[in-house]
Amino acid sequence: MTDASKLNRLKILLGEDLPEDSVLSEYLAMAGEEIINWLYIRRDQPPEGVAVPTAYEQVQIMSVIAAVNIIGAEGDVGSTNVFPEGGDM
């Protein structure tokens, strides 16, 4: 999957009010680097030019979605909205 198709998939899954493409692309790059580092953990550093294997591309995308969804939540220590409106236990 190309970087452009990963970015497009992110936009579809995240919906509206997205960060700029450059921010999403940077998150994709960071998640990809992390995955590659996990795969080559027993080496000092991964080989040059290694791409995220196809089997891990969805992990990369879902990692970015998780990161984007917590933007702005830093420092939150709790939530008062435990149950959906009208819901009870």
N, C-alpha and C. Protein backbone atom coordinates (compact mmCIF):
# COMPACT_ATOMS: atom_id res chain seq x y z
N MET A 1 0.85 -1.16 0.00
CA MET A 1 0.00 0.00 0.00
C MET A 1 0.90 1.24 0.00
N THR A 2 0.59 2.18 -0.84
CA THR A 2 1.41 3.40 -0.91
C THR A 2 1.08 4.32 0.26
N ASP A 3 1.96 5.28 0.51
CA ASP A 3 1.72 6.27 1.56
C ASP A 3 0.45 7.06 1.27
N ALA A 4 0.22 7.35 -0.01
CA ALA A 4 -0.99 8.11 -0.39
C ALA A 4 -2.26 7.31 -0.08
N SER A 5 -2.22 6.00 -0.32
CA SER A 5 -3.41 5.20 -0.03
C SER A 5 -3.60 5.03 1.48
N LYS A 6 -2.52 4.98 2.24
CA LYS A 6 -2.64 4.93 3.70
C LYS A 6 -3.26 6.24 4.21
N LEU A 7 -2.81 7.34 3.67
CA LEU A 7 -3.34 8.65 4.05
C LEU A 7 -4.82 8.75 3.70
N ASN A 8 -5.19 8.27 2.53
CA ASN A 8 -6.59 8.28 2.12
C ASN A 8 -7.44 7.41 3.05
N ARG A 9 -6.95 6.25 3.41
CA ARG A 9 -7.68 5.36 4.32
C ARG A 9 -7.84 6.02 5.69
N LEU A 10 -6.81 6.70 6.15
CA LEU A 10 -6.90 7.42 7.42
C LEU A 10 -8.01 8.46 7.38
N LYS A 11 -8.06 9.22 6.30
CA LYS A 11 -9.08 10.26 6.18
C LYS A 11 -10.48 9.67 6.20
N ILE A 12 -10.66 8.53 5.55
CA ILE A 12 -11.97 7.88 5.53
C ILE A 12 -12.34 7.42 6.94
N LEU A 13 -11.41 6.80 7.63
CA LEU A 13 -11.70 6.24 8.94
C LEU A 13 -11.85 7.30 10.03
N LEU A 14 -11.12 8.40 9.91
CA LEU A 14 -11.18 9.43 10.94
C LEU A 14 -12.36 10.39 10.77
N GLY A 15 -12.88 10.50 9.57
CA GLY A 15 -14.03 11.38 9.37
C GLY A 15 -13.65 12.84 9.28
N GLU A 16 -14.45 13.69 9.90
CA GLU A 16 -14.28 15.14 9.81
C GLU A 16 -13.30 15.68 10.85
N ASP A 17 -12.99 16.96 10.74
CA ASP A 17 -12.11 17.67 11.69
C ASP A 17 -10.75 16.99 11.82
N LEU A 18 -10.12 16.75 10.69
CA LEU A 18 -8.83 16.07 10.66
C LEU A 18 -7.68 17.06 10.78
N PRO A 19 -6.56 16.57 11.32
CA PRO A 19 -5.34 17.37 11.23
C PRO A 19 -4.92 17.49 9.76
N GLU A 20 -4.03 18.40 9.47
CA GLU A 20 -3.54 18.57 8.10
C GLU A 20 -2.86 17.28 7.62
N ASP A 21 -2.82 17.13 6.28
CA ASP A 21 -2.19 15.96 5.68
C ASP A 21 -0.75 15.78 6.16
N SER A 22 -0.04 16.90 6.32
CA SER A 22 1.36 16.80 6.74
C SER A 22 1.47 16.20 8.14
N VAL A 23 0.52 16.51 9.01
CA VAL A 23 0.53 15.94 10.37
C VAL A 23 0.23 14.44 10.31
N LEU A 24 -0.80 14.07 9.53
CA LEU A 24 -1.13 12.66 9.39
C LEU A 24 0.02 11.88 8.77
N SER A 25 0.68 12.47 7.78
CA SER A 25 1.82 11.81 7.14
C SER A 25 2.96 11.61 8.13
N GLU A 26 3.17 12.59 8.98
CA GLU A 26 4.23 12.47 9.99
C GLU A 26 3.90 11.36 10.99
N TYR A 27 2.64 11.28 11.41
CA TYR A 27 2.21 10.20 12.29
C TYR A 27 2.42 8.84 11.61
N LEU A 28 2.08 8.75 10.33
CA LEU A 28 2.30 7.50 9.58
C LEU A 28 3.77 7.12 9.57
N ALA A 29 4.62 8.11 9.32
CA ALA A 29 6.06 7.85 9.28
C ALA A 29 6.57 7.38 10.64
N MET A 30 6.12 8.05 11.71
CA MET A 30 6.55 7.68 13.05
C MET A 30 6.08 6.27 13.42
N ALA A 31 4.84 5.94 13.11
CA ALA A 31 4.31 4.60 13.39
C ALA A 31 5.08 3.56 12.58
N GLY A 32 5.38 3.87 11.33
CA GLY A 32 6.15 2.96 10.49
C GLY A 32 7.54 2.71 11.04
N GLU A 33 8.19 3.77 11.50
CA GLU A 33 9.53 3.62 12.08
C GLU A 33 9.48 2.74 13.34
N GLU A 34 8.45 2.94 14.14
CA GLU A 34 8.31 2.15 15.36
C GLU A 34 8.11 0.67 15.04
N ILE A 35 7.26 0.37 14.08
CA ILE A 35 7.02 -1.02 13.67
C ILE A 35 8.32 -1.66 13.17
N ILE A 36 9.04 -0.94 12.34
CA ILE A 36 10.30 -1.47 11.80
C ILE A 36 11.31 -1.71 12.92
N ASN A 37 11.35 -0.79 13.89
CA ASN A 37 12.26 -0.99 15.03
C ASN A 37 11.87 -2.24 15.83
N TRP A 38 10.58 -2.50 15.99
CA TRP A 38 10.14 -3.72 16.68
C TRP A 38 10.59 -4.95 15.91
N LEU A 39 10.44 -4.91 14.60
CA LEU A 39 10.78 -6.07 13.79
C LEU A 39 12.28 -6.38 13.80
N TYR A 40 13.09 -5.35 13.97
CA TYR A 40 14.55 -5.53 13.97
C TYR A 40 15.14 -5.24 15.34
N ILE A 41 14.43 -5.64 16.39
CA ILE A 41 14.81 -5.31 17.76
C ILE A 41 16.17 -5.90 18.16
N ARG A 42 16.54 -7.00 17.55
CA ARG A 42 17.80 -7.66 17.93
C ARG A 42 19.01 -7.09 17.18
N ARG A 43 18.79 -6.08 16.36
CA ARG A 43 19.89 -5.42 15.66
C ARG A 43 20.11 -4.05 16.28
N ASP A 44 21.30 -3.50 16.04
CA ASP A 44 21.55 -2.14 16.52
C ASP A 44 20.61 -1.16 15.86
N GLN A 45 20.38 -1.35 14.58
CA GLN A 45 19.41 -0.54 13.85
C GLN A 45 18.96 -1.30 12.62
N PRO A 46 17.74 -0.97 12.14
CA PRO A 46 17.22 -1.70 10.97
C PRO A 46 18.02 -1.36 9.71
N PRO A 47 17.98 -2.24 8.73
CA PRO A 47 18.65 -1.95 7.45
C PRO A 47 18.04 -0.71 6.80
N GLU A 48 18.83 -0.02 6.04
CA GLU A 48 18.37 1.17 5.33
C GLU A 48 17.30 0.83 4.30
N GLY A 49 16.31 1.68 4.18
CA GLY A 49 15.31 1.55 3.13
C GLY A 49 14.26 0.48 3.36
N VAL A 50 14.19 -0.08 4.56
CA VAL A 50 13.19 -1.10 4.85
C VAL A 50 11.82 -0.43 4.99
N ALA A 51 10.83 -1.01 4.34
CA ALA A 51 9.46 -0.48 4.42
C ALA A 51 8.64 -1.32 5.38
N VAL A 52 7.54 -0.76 5.82
CA VAL A 52 6.63 -1.51 6.69
C VAL A 52 6.07 -2.69 5.89
N PRO A 53 6.23 -3.91 6.39
CA PRO A 53 5.69 -5.06 5.67
C PRO A 53 4.16 -4.97 5.56
N THR A 54 3.63 -5.52 4.50
CA THR A 54 2.19 -5.50 4.24
C THR A 54 1.40 -6.00 5.45
N ALA A 55 1.89 -7.00 6.12
CA ALA A 55 1.17 -7.58 7.26
C ALA A 55 1.01 -6.59 8.41
N TYR A 56 1.82 -5.54 8.43
CA TYR A 56 1.78 -4.57 9.52
C TYR A 56 1.19 -3.22 9.11
N GLU A 57 0.75 -3.08 7.88
CA GLU A 57 0.23 -1.79 7.43
C GLU A 57 -1.04 -1.37 8.18
N GLN A 58 -1.90 -2.34 8.49
CA GLN A 58 -3.12 -2.00 9.25
C GLN A 58 -2.77 -1.59 10.67
N VAL A 59 -1.74 -2.21 11.24
CA VAL A 59 -1.27 -1.81 12.57
C VAL A 59 -0.79 -0.37 12.54
N GLN A 60 -0.07 -0.03 11.48
CA GLN A 60 0.43 1.33 11.31
C GLN A 60 -0.73 2.32 11.25
N ILE A 61 -1.73 2.02 10.45
CA ILE A 61 -2.89 2.91 10.29
C ILE A 61 -3.66 3.02 11.61
N MET A 62 -3.91 1.90 12.28
CA MET A 62 -4.65 1.95 13.53
C MET A 62 -3.87 2.68 14.63
N SER A 63 -2.56 2.62 14.59
CA SER A 63 -1.75 3.36 15.55
C SER A 63 -1.93 4.86 15.36
N VAL A 64 -1.98 5.29 14.12
CA VAL A 64 -2.19 6.70 13.84
C VAL A 64 -3.58 7.13 14.29
N ILE A 65 -4.58 6.30 14.04
CA ILE A 65 -5.95 6.63 14.48
C ILE A 65 -5.99 6.80 16.00
N ALA A 66 -5.32 5.90 16.72
CA ALA A 66 -5.28 6.01 18.18
C ALA A 66 -4.59 7.30 18.61
N ALA A 67 -3.51 7.65 17.95
CA ALA A 67 -2.78 8.87 18.29
C ALA A 67 -3.61 10.11 18.02
N VAL A 68 -4.26 10.15 16.87
CA VAL A 68 -5.07 11.31 16.51
C VAL A 68 -6.25 11.46 17.48
N ASN A 69 -6.82 10.35 17.90
CA ASN A 69 -7.98 10.41 18.78
C ASN A 69 -7.66 10.89 20.19
N ILE A 70 -6.38 10.87 20.58
CA ILE A 70 -6.05 11.37 21.90
C ILE A 70 -5.48 12.79 21.87
N ILE A 71 -5.36 13.37 20.69
CA ILE A 71 -4.88 14.75 20.61
C ILE A 71 -5.84 15.62 21.40
N GLY A 72 -5.30 16.41 22.30
CA GLY A 72 -6.12 17.29 23.12
C GLY A 72 -6.55 16.66 24.43
N ALA A 73 -6.35 15.37 24.59
CA ALA A 73 -6.75 14.70 25.83
C ALA A 73 -5.60 14.61 26.83
N GLU A 74 -4.42 15.13 26.46
CA GLU A 74 -3.29 15.08 27.36
C GLU A 74 -3.63 15.83 28.64
N GLY A 75 -3.33 15.22 29.75
CA GLY A 75 -3.59 15.86 31.04
C GLY A 75 -4.95 15.53 31.62
N ASP A 76 -5.84 14.95 30.85
CA ASP A 76 -7.14 14.55 31.40
C ASP A 76 -6.91 13.42 32.39
N VAL A 77 -7.53 13.55 33.55
CA VAL A 77 -7.37 12.52 34.56
C VAL A 77 -8.64 11.70 34.76
N GLY A 78 -9.69 12.09 34.10
CA GLY A 78 -10.92 11.34 34.23
C GLY A 78 -12.01 11.93 33.37
N SER A 79 -13.14 11.27 33.39
CA SER A 79 -14.28 11.72 32.61
C SER A 79 -15.52 11.55 33.46
N THR A 80 -16.42 12.52 33.35
CA THR A 80 -17.67 12.42 34.10
C THR A 80 -18.75 11.75 33.27
N ASN A 81 -18.51 11.57 31.98
CA ASN A 81 -19.50 10.96 31.09
C ASN A 81 -19.18 9.48 30.91
N VAL A 82 -19.50 8.70 31.94
CA VAL A 82 -19.17 7.29 31.92
C VAL A 82 -20.16 6.50 31.07
N PHE A 83 -21.44 6.84 31.15
CA PHE A 83 -22.47 6.14 30.42
C PHE A 83 -23.04 7.04 29.33
N PRO A 84 -23.46 6.47 28.23
CA PRO A 84 -24.10 7.27 27.18
C PRO A 84 -25.35 7.95 27.74
N GLU A 85 -25.73 9.02 27.09
CA GLU A 85 -26.90 9.77 27.53
C GLU A 85 -28.11 8.83 27.67
N GLY A 86 -28.74 8.89 28.83
CA GLY A 86 -29.91 8.05 29.08
C GLY A 86 -29.55 6.63 29.47
N GLY A 87 -28.27 6.30 29.44
CA GLY A 87 -27.87 4.94 29.78
C GLY A 87 -27.66 4.77 31.27
N ASP A 88 -27.89 3.61 31.74
CA ASP A 88 -27.59 3.29 33.12
C ASP A 88 -27.13 1.85 33.21
N MET A 89 -26.72 1.47 34.36
CA MET A 89 -26.19 0.14 34.51
C MET A 89 -27.11 -0.78 35.18
